Amino acid sequence: MEWPPQSPDLNPIKNLWVPFKAVFHKRFTEMFNHPSKSLEARYRYTAVLQEVRYTQGQQLVDVLIESMPKRVQAVIEANGGWTKY
């Protein structure tokens, strides 16, 4: 496929971060009342990030990958212009 000159970036990874951060934030605030910059908190952040990655990450990736045919079709229909993606 020739890349349309005004096409949005169809990289699904870009769209992964918003739901990933939302799940991380929700999980983190359920476990801890407030963010902190202490060394202990950094270890906790790491643990929560890994938990979210391994419990939710692949599901989020799968949803985005499955949406690719719709995304590409929307770009084609918009002649490379703006789409909702």
PDB file of N, CA and C in Angstrom:
ATOM      1  N   MET A   1       0.848  -1.172   0.000  1.00  0.00           N
ATOM      2  CA  MET A   1       0.000   0.000   0.000  1.00  0.00           C
ATOM      3  C   MET A   1       0.896   1.238   0.000  1.00  0.00           C
ATOM      4  N   GLU A   2       0.623   2.159  -0.887  1.00  0.00           N
ATOM      5  CA  GLU A   2       1.353   3.416  -0.898  1.00  0.00           C
ATOM      6  C   GLU A   2       0.883   4.243   0.293  1.00  0.00           C
ATOM      7  N   TRP A   3       1.830   4.837   1.018  1.00  0.00           N
ATOM      8  CA  TRP A   3       1.481   5.583   2.217  1.00  0.00           C
ATOM      9  C   TRP A   3       0.846   6.911   1.828  1.00  0.00           C
ATOM     10  N   PRO A   4      -0.413   7.142   2.247  1.00  0.00           N
ATOM     11  CA  PRO A   4      -1.067   8.404   1.907  1.00  0.00           C
ATOM     12  C   PRO A   4      -0.334   9.591   2.543  1.00  0.00           C
ATOM     13  N   PRO A   5      -0.201  10.690   1.825  1.00  0.00           N
ATOM     14  CA  PRO A   5       0.599  11.817   2.312  1.00  0.00           C
ATOM     15  C   PRO A   5       0.048  12.480   3.571  1.00  0.00           C
ATOM     16  N   GLN A   6      -1.242  12.412   3.815  1.00  0.00           N
ATOM     17  CA  GLN A   6      -1.821  13.056   4.993  1.00  0.00           C
ATOM     18  C   GLN A   6      -2.323  12.033   6.002  1.00  0.00           C
ATOM     19  N   SER A   7      -1.854  10.810   5.888  1.00  0.00           N
ATOM     20  CA  SER A   7      -2.357   9.728   6.714  1.00  0.00           C
ATOM     21  C   SER A   7      -1.923   9.875   8.167  1.00  0.00           C
ATOM     22  N   PRO A   8      -2.804   9.530   9.082  1.00  0.00           N
ATOM     23  CA  PRO A   8      -2.399   9.489  10.480  1.00  0.00           C
ATOM     24  C   PRO A   8      -1.448   8.312  10.691  1.00  0.00           C
ATOM     25  N   ASP A   9      -0.713   8.365  11.760  1.00  0.00           N
ATOM     26  CA  ASP A   9       0.166   7.248  12.088  1.00  0.00           C
ATOM     27  C   ASP A   9      -0.706   6.083  12.524  1.00  0.00           C
ATOM     28  N   LEU A  10      -0.634   4.978  11.806  1.00  0.00           N
ATOM     29  CA  LEU A  10      -1.472   3.828  12.106  1.00  0.00           C
ATOM     30  C   LEU A  10      -0.808   2.848  13.071  1.00  0.00           C
ATOM     31  N   ASN A  11       0.281   3.247  13.677  1.00  0.00           N
ATOM     32  CA  ASN A  11       0.973   2.390  14.623  1.00  0.00           C
ATOM     33  C   ASN A  11       0.064   2.135  15.825  1.00  0.00           C
ATOM     34  N   PRO A  12      -0.377   0.890  16.049  1.00  0.00           N
ATOM     35  CA  PRO A  12      -1.300   0.623  17.151  1.00  0.00           C
ATOM     36  C   PRO A  12      -0.661   0.802  18.522  1.00  0.00           C
ATOM     37  N   ILE A  13       0.661   0.758  18.606  1.00  0.00           N
ATOM     38  CA  ILE A  13       1.331   0.913  19.901  1.00  0.00           C
ATOM     39  C   ILE A  13       1.056   2.294  20.482  1.00  0.00           C
ATOM     40  N   LYS A  14       0.953   3.300  19.630  1.00  0.00           N
ATOM     41  CA  LYS A  14       0.627   4.647  20.112  1.00  0.00           C
ATOM     42  C   LYS A  14      -0.674   4.637  20.923  1.00  0.00           C
ATOM     43  N   ASN A  15      -1.628   3.859  20.482  1.00  0.00           N
ATOM     44  CA  ASN A  15      -2.927   3.801  21.143  1.00  0.00           C
ATOM     45  C   ASN A  15      -2.936   2.889  22.356  1.00  0.00           C
ATOM     46  N   LEU A  16      -1.856   2.196  22.588  1.00  0.00           N
ATOM     47  CA  LEU A  16      -1.774   1.299  23.738  1.00  0.00           C
ATOM     48  C   LEU A  16      -1.590   2.063  25.043  1.00  0.00           C
ATOM     49  N   TRP A  17      -0.907   3.188  24.984  1.00  0.00           N
ATOM     50  CA  TRP A  17      -0.498   3.864  26.219  1.00  0.00           C
ATOM     51  C   TRP A  17      -1.652   4.458  27.000  1.00  0.00           C
ATOM     52  N   VAL A  18      -2.651   4.991  26.364  1.00  0.00           N
ATOM     53  CA  VAL A  18      -3.767   5.606  27.096  1.00  0.00           C
ATOM     54  C   VAL A  18      -4.498   4.578  27.963  1.00  0.00           C
ATOM     55  N   PRO A  19      -4.966   3.454  27.405  1.00  0.00           N
ATOM     56  CA  PRO A  19      -5.628   2.487  28.285  1.00  0.00           C
ATOM     57  C   PRO A  19      -4.663   1.834  29.278  1.00  0.00           C
ATOM     58  N   PHE A  20      -3.410   1.633  28.862  1.00  0.00           N
ATOM     59  CA  PHE A  20      -2.432   1.037  29.769  1.00  0.00           C
ATOM     60  C   PHE A  20      -2.220   1.935  30.986  1.00  0.00           C
ATOM     61  N   LYS A  21      -2.049   3.247  30.742  1.00  0.00           N
ATOM     62  CA  LYS A  21      -1.863   4.184  31.856  1.00  0.00           C
ATOM     63  C   LYS A  21      -3.096   4.239  32.734  1.00  0.00           C
ATOM     64  N   ALA A  22      -4.274   4.168  32.136  1.00  0.00           N
ATOM     65  CA  ALA A  22      -5.511   4.206  32.931  1.00  0.00           C
ATOM     66  C   ALA A  22      -5.603   2.991  33.848  1.00  0.00           C
ATOM     67  N   VAL A  23      -5.292   1.814  33.319  1.00  0.00           N
ATOM     68  CA  VAL A  23      -5.330   0.594  34.129  1.00  0.00           C
ATOM     69  C   VAL A  23      -4.268   0.660  35.217  1.00  0.00           C
ATOM     70  N   PHE A  24      -3.060   1.121  34.854  1.00  0.00           N
ATOM     71  CA  PHE A  24      -1.983   1.257  35.842  1.00  0.00           C
ATOM     72  C   PHE A  24      -2.406   2.212  36.957  1.00  0.00           C
ATOM     73  N   HIS A  25      -2.916   3.376  36.583  1.00  0.00           N
ATOM     74  CA  HIS A  25      -3.297   4.376  37.581  1.00  0.00           C
ATOM     75  C   HIS A  25      -4.377   3.820  38.517  1.00  0.00           C
ATOM     76  N   LYS A  26      -5.370   3.177  37.940  1.00  0.00           N
ATOM     77  CA  LYS A  26      -6.444   2.614  38.751  1.00  0.00           C
ATOM     78  C   LYS A  26      -5.902   1.574  39.725  1.00  0.00           C
ATOM     79  N   ARG A  27      -5.085   0.671  39.199  1.00  0.00           N
ATOM     80  CA  ARG A  27      -4.522  -0.397  40.046  1.00  0.00           C
ATOM     81  C   ARG A  27      -3.613   0.183  41.123  1.00  0.00           C
ATOM     82  N   PHE A  28      -2.800   1.157  40.743  1.00  0.00           N
ATOM     83  CA  PHE A  28      -1.870   1.744  41.704  1.00  0.00           C
ATOM     84  C   PHE A  28      -2.623   2.464  42.816  1.00  0.00           C
ATOM     85  N   THR A  29      -3.652   3.236  42.457  1.00  0.00           N
ATOM     86  CA  THR A  29      -4.393   3.967  43.487  1.00  0.00           C
ATOM     87  C   THR A  29      -5.233   3.036  44.352  1.00  0.00           C
ATOM     88  N   GLU A  30      -5.600   1.865  43.833  1.00  0.00           N
ATOM     89  CA  GLU A  30      -6.276   0.879  44.679  1.00  0.00           C
ATOM     90  C   GLU A  30      -5.322   0.333  45.740  1.00  0.00           C
ATOM     91  N   MET A  31      -4.065   0.159  45.355  1.00  0.00           N
ATOM     92  CA  MET A  31      -3.081  -0.419  46.271  1.00  0.00           C
ATOM     93  C   MET A  31      -2.483   0.621  47.222  1.00  0.00           C
ATOM     94  N   PHE A  32      -2.256   1.819  46.723  1.00  0.00           N
ATOM     95  CA  PHE A  32      -1.573   2.863  47.488  1.00  0.00           C
ATOM     96  C   PHE A  32      -2.371   4.146  47.383  1.00  0.00           C
ATOM     97  N   ASN A  33      -2.406   4.890  48.437  1.00  0.00           N
ATOM     98  CA  ASN A  33      -3.249   6.086  48.469  1.00  0.00           C
ATOM     99  C   ASN A  33      -2.700   7.266  47.682  1.00  0.00           C
ATOM    100  N   HIS A  34      -1.389   7.365  47.540  1.00  0.00           N
ATOM    101  CA  HIS A  34      -0.834   8.527  46.863  1.00  0.00           C
ATOM    102  C   HIS A  34       0.519   8.183  46.246  1.00  0.00           C
ATOM    103  N   PRO A  35       0.885   8.895  45.186  1.00  0.00           N
ATOM    104  CA  PRO A  35       2.186   8.646  44.571  1.00  0.00           C
ATOM    105  C   PRO A  35       3.312   9.167  45.468  1.00  0.00           C
ATOM    106  N   SER A  36       4.462   8.589  45.335  1.00  0.00           N
ATOM    107  CA  SER A  36       5.616   8.984  46.126  1.00  0.00           C
ATOM    108  C   SER A  36       6.863   8.829  45.280  1.00  0.00           C
ATOM    109  N   LYS A  37       7.919   9.546  45.655  1.00  0.00           N
ATOM    110  CA  LYS A  37       9.179   9.447  44.929  1.00  0.00           C
ATOM    111  C   LYS A  37      10.214   8.634  45.705  1.00  0.00           C
ATOM    112  N   SER A  38       9.808   8.002  46.774  1.00  0.00           N
ATOM    113  CA  SER A  38      10.749   7.225  47.572  1.00  0.00           C
ATOM    114  C   SER A  38      11.217   5.990  46.803  1.00  0.00           C
ATOM    115  N   LEU A  39      12.328   5.437  47.250  1.00  0.00           N
ATOM    116  CA  LEU A  39      12.863   4.240  46.610  1.00  0.00           C
ATOM    117  C   LEU A  39      11.881   3.078  46.736  1.00  0.00           C
ATOM    118  N   GLU A  40      11.243   2.959  47.885  1.00  0.00           N
ATOM    119  CA  GLU A  40      10.255   1.896  48.079  1.00  0.00           C
ATOM    120  C   GLU A  40       9.097   2.039  47.093  1.00  0.00           C
ATOM    121  N   ALA A  41       8.648   3.272  46.899  1.00  0.00           N
ATOM    122  CA  ALA A  41       7.547   3.517  45.961  1.00  0.00           C
ATOM    123  C   ALA A  41       7.952   3.150  44.542  1.00  0.00           C
ATOM    124  N   ARG A  42       9.197   3.409  44.182  1.00  0.00           N
ATOM    125  CA  ARG A  42       9.662   3.059  42.836  1.00  0.00           C
ATOM    126  C   ARG A  42       9.604   1.556  42.608  1.00  0.00           C
ATOM    127  N   TYR A  43       9.958   0.787  43.634  1.00  0.00           N
ATOM    128  CA  TYR A  43       9.835  -0.673  43.523  1.00  0.00           C
ATOM    129  C   TYR A  43       8.369  -1.072  43.385  1.00  0.00           C
ATOM    130  N   ARG A  44       7.508  -0.383  44.107  1.00  0.00           N
ATOM    131  CA  ARG A  44       6.066  -0.674  44.002  1.00  0.00           C
ATOM    132  C   ARG A  44       5.557  -0.335  42.604  1.00  0.00           C
ATOM    133  N   TYR A  45       5.998   0.809  42.071  1.00  0.00           N
ATOM    134  CA  TYR A  45       5.599   1.185  40.715  1.00  0.00           C
ATOM    135  C   TYR A  45       5.983   0.078  39.732  1.00  0.00           C
ATOM    136  N   THR A  46       7.212  -0.400  39.876  1.00  0.00           N
ATOM    137  CA  THR A  46       7.695  -1.459  38.992  1.00  0.00           C
ATOM    138  C   THR A  46       6.825  -2.700  39.107  1.00  0.00           C
ATOM    139  N   ALA A  47       6.495  -3.074  40.335  1.00  0.00           N
ATOM    140  CA  ALA A  47       5.670  -4.266  40.542  1.00  0.00           C
ATOM    141  C   ALA A  47       4.288  -4.095  39.916  1.00  0.00           C
ATOM    142  N   VAL A  48       3.690  -2.917  40.089  1.00  0.00           N
ATOM    143  CA  VAL A  48       2.361  -2.673  39.520  1.00  0.00           C
ATOM    144  C   VAL A  48       2.435  -2.637  37.995  1.00  0.00           C
ATOM    145  N   LEU A  49       3.469  -2.013  37.444  1.00  0.00           N
ATOM    146  CA  LEU A  49       3.636  -1.992  35.988  1.00  0.00           C
ATOM    147  C   LEU A  49       3.735  -3.400  35.428  1.00  0.00           C
ATOM    148  N   GLN A  50       4.522  -4.233  36.076  1.00  0.00           N
ATOM    149  CA  GLN A  50       4.658  -5.608  35.611  1.00  0.00           C
ATOM    150  C   GLN A  50       3.346  -6.365  35.740  1.00  0.00           C
ATOM    151  N   GLU A  51       2.638  -6.138  36.827  1.00  0.00           N
ATOM    152  CA  GLU A  51       1.345  -6.804  37.016  1.00  0.00           C
ATOM    153  C   GLU A  51       0.374  -6.416  35.905  1.00  0.00           C
ATOM    154  N   VAL A  52       0.285  -5.117  35.640  1.00  0.00           N
ATOM    155  CA  VAL A  52      -0.632  -4.639  34.600  1.00  0.00           C
ATOM    156  C   VAL A  52      -0.201  -5.178  33.243  1.00  0.00           C
ATOM    157  N   ARG A  53       1.093  -5.165  32.977  1.00  0.00           N
ATOM    158  CA  ARG A  53       1.597  -5.662  31.692  1.00  0.00           C
ATOM    159  C   ARG A  53       1.222  -7.127  31.481  1.00  0.00           C
ATOM    160  N   TYR A  54       1.416  -7.935  32.511  1.00  0.00           N
ATOM    161  CA  TYR A  54       1.185  -9.368  32.339  1.00  0.00           C
ATOM    162  C   TYR A  54      -0.274  -9.774  32.486  1.00  0.00           C
ATOM    163  N   THR A  55      -1.101  -8.945  33.119  1.00  0.00           N
ATOM    164  CA  THR A  55      -2.516  -9.297  33.252  1.00  0.00           C
ATOM    165  C   THR A  55      -3.390  -8.613  32.208  1.00  0.00           C
ATOM    166  N   GLN A  56      -3.028  -7.404  31.807  1.00  0.00           N
ATOM    167  CA  GLN A  56      -3.857  -6.630  30.884  1.00  0.00           C
ATOM    168  C   GLN A  56      -3.180  -6.358  29.541  1.00  0.00           C
ATOM    169  N   GLY A  57      -1.868  -6.314  29.547  1.00  0.00           N
ATOM    170  CA  GLY A  57      -1.122  -5.870  28.376  1.00  0.00           C
ATOM    171  C   GLY A  57      -1.452  -6.593  27.093  1.00  0.00           C
ATOM    172  N   GLN A  58      -1.431  -7.912  27.120  1.00  0.00           N
ATOM    173  CA  GLN A  58      -1.671  -8.659  25.884  1.00  0.00           C
ATOM    174  C   GLN A  58      -3.101  -8.472  25.389  1.00  0.00           C
ATOM    175  N   GLN A  59      -4.031  -8.369  26.310  1.00  0.00           N
ATOM    176  CA  GLN A  59      -5.426  -8.140  25.926  1.00  0.00           C
ATOM    177  C   GLN A  59      -5.553  -6.793  25.207  1.00  0.00           C
ATOM    178  N   LEU A  60      -4.901  -5.762  25.734  1.00  0.00           N
ATOM    179  CA  LEU A  60      -4.937  -4.449  25.090  1.00  0.00           C
ATOM    180  C   LEU A  60      -4.291  -4.505  23.709  1.00  0.00           C
ATOM    181  N   VAL A  61      -3.172  -5.192  23.603  1.00  0.00           N
ATOM    182  CA  VAL A  61      -2.475  -5.324  22.315  1.00  0.00           C
ATOM    183  C   VAL A  61      -3.355  -6.060  21.311  1.00  0.00           C
ATOM    184  N   ASP A  62      -3.983  -7.140  21.757  1.00  0.00           N
ATOM    185  CA  ASP A  62      -4.849  -7.914  20.857  1.00  0.00           C
ATOM    186  C   ASP A  62      -5.990  -7.069  20.301  1.00  0.00           C
ATOM    187  N   VAL A  63      -6.613  -6.266  21.144  1.00  0.00           N
ATOM    188  CA  VAL A  63      -7.716  -5.400  20.704  1.00  0.00           C
ATOM    189  C   VAL A  63      -7.219  -4.425  19.640  1.00  0.00           C
ATOM    190  N   LEU A  64      -6.049  -3.842  19.873  1.00  0.00           N
ATOM    191  CA  LEU A  64      -5.515  -2.890  18.902  1.00  0.00           C
ATOM    192  C   LEU A  64      -5.150  -3.569  17.582  1.00  0.00           C
ATOM    193  N   ILE A  65      -4.553  -4.734  17.653  1.00  0.00           N
ATOM    194  CA  ILE A  65      -4.192  -5.458  16.428  1.00  0.00           C
ATOM    195  C   ILE A  65      -5.449  -5.833  15.645  1.00  0.00           C
ATOM    196  N   GLU A  66      -6.477  -6.282  16.349  1.00  0.00           N
ATOM    197  CA  GLU A  66      -7.726  -6.648  15.676  1.00  0.00           C
ATOM    198  C   GLU A  66      -8.411  -5.450  15.032  1.00  0.00           C
ATOM    199  N   SER A  67      -8.098  -4.241  15.508  1.00  0.00           N
ATOM    200  CA  SER A  67      -8.716  -3.043  14.940  1.00  0.00           C
ATOM    201  C   SER A  67      -8.003  -2.556  13.677  1.00  0.00           C
ATOM    202  N   MET A  68      -6.854  -3.123  13.342  1.00  0.00           N
ATOM    203  CA  MET A  68      -6.081  -2.630  12.207  1.00  0.00           C
ATOM    204  C   MET A  68      -6.819  -2.675  10.869  1.00  0.00           C
ATOM    205  N   PRO A  69      -7.542  -3.734  10.531  1.00  0.00           N
ATOM    206  CA  PRO A  69      -8.264  -3.691   9.251  1.00  0.00           C
ATOM    207  C   PRO A  69      -9.243  -2.507   9.168  1.00  0.00           C
ATOM    208  N   LYS A  70      -9.935  -2.220  10.266  1.00  0.00           N
ATOM    209  CA  LYS A  70     -10.862  -1.079  10.277  1.00  0.00           C
ATOM    210  C   LYS A  70     -10.101   0.240  10.138  1.00  0.00           C
ATOM    211  N   ARG A  71      -8.961   0.331  10.801  1.00  0.00           N
ATOM    212  CA  ARG A  71      -8.153   1.557  10.732  1.00  0.00           C
ATOM    213  C   ARG A  71      -7.662   1.815   9.309  1.00  0.00           C
ATOM    214  N   VAL A  72      -7.125   0.774   8.683  1.00  0.00           N
ATOM    215  CA  VAL A  72      -6.617   0.916   7.318  1.00  0.00           C
ATOM    216  C   VAL A  72      -7.757   1.260   6.365  1.00  0.00           C
ATOM    217  N   GLN A  73      -8.905   0.599   6.511  1.00  0.00           N
ATOM    218  CA  GLN A  73     -10.051   0.883   5.655  1.00  0.00           C
ATOM    219  C   GLN A  73     -10.519   2.330   5.826  1.00  0.00           C
ATOM    220  N   ALA A  74     -10.505   2.811   7.058  1.00  0.00           N
ATOM    221  CA  ALA A  74     -10.919   4.198   7.309  1.00  0.00           C
ATOM    222  C   ALA A  74      -9.975   5.176   6.620  1.00  0.00           C
ATOM    223  N   VAL A  75      -8.679   4.898   6.634  1.00  0.00           N
ATOM    224  CA  VAL A  75      -7.708   5.763   5.961  1.00  0.00           C
ATOM    225  C   VAL A  75      -7.922   5.722   4.451  1.00  0.00           C
ATOM    226  N   ILE A  76      -8.173   4.536   3.929  1.00  0.00           N
ATOM    227  CA  ILE A  76      -8.429   4.403   2.489  1.00  0.00           C
ATOM    228  C   ILE A  76      -9.675   5.191   2.088  1.00  0.00           C
ATOM    229  N   GLU A  77     -10.738   5.049   2.875  1.00  0.00           N
ATOM    230  CA  GLU A  77     -11.988   5.758   2.570  1.00  0.00           C
ATOM    231  C   GLU A  77     -11.837   7.270   2.697  1.00  0.00           C
ATOM    232  N   ALA A  78     -10.931   7.716   3.578  1.00  0.00           N
ATOM    233  CA  ALA A  78     -10.713   9.149   3.758  1.00  0.00           C
ATOM    234  C   ALA A  78      -9.631   9.675   2.807  1.00  0.00           C
ATOM    235  N   ASN A  79      -9.218   8.829   1.868  1.00  0.00           N
ATOM    236  CA  ASN A  79      -8.168   9.210   0.899  1.00  0.00           C
ATOM    237  C   ASN A  79      -6.923   9.741   1.613  1.00  0.00           C
ATOM    238  N   GLY A  80      -6.569   9.088   2.723  1.00  0.00           N
ATOM    239  CA  GLY A  80      -5.366   9.472   3.458  1.00  0.00           C
ATOM    240  C   GLY A  80      -5.563  10.626   4.408  1.00  0.00           C
ATOM    241  N   GLY A  81      -6.786  11.112   4.497  1.00  0.00           N
ATOM    242  CA  GLY A  81      -7.057  12.247   5.387  1.00  0.00           C
ATOM    243  C   GLY A  81      -7.392  11.804   6.811  1.00  0.00           C
ATOM    244  N   TRP A  82      -7.993  12.685   7.545  1.00  0.00           N
ATOM    245  CA  TRP A  82      -8.311  12.488   8.952  1.00  0.00           C
ATOM    246  C   TRP A  82      -9.292  11.332   9.136  1.00  0.00           C
ATOM    247  N   THR A  83      -9.055  10.552  10.188  1.00  0.00           N
ATOM    248  CA  THR A  83      -9.977   9.500  10.600  1.00  0.00           C
ATOM    249  C   THR A  83     -10.166   9.604  12.109  1.00  0.00           C
ATOM    250  N   LYS A  84     -11.077   8.835  12.644  1.00  0.00           N
ATOM    251  CA  LYS A  84     -11.294   8.880  14.088  1.00  0.00           C
ATOM    252  C   LYS A  84     -10.163   8.202  14.861  1.00  0.00           C
ATOM    253  N   TYR A  85      -9.291   7.512  14.161  1.00  0.00           N
ATOM    254  CA  TYR A  85      -8.183   6.830  14.814  1.00  0.00           C
ATOM    255  C   TYR A  85      -6.996   7.751  14.938  1.00  0.00           C
TER     256      TYR A  85
END
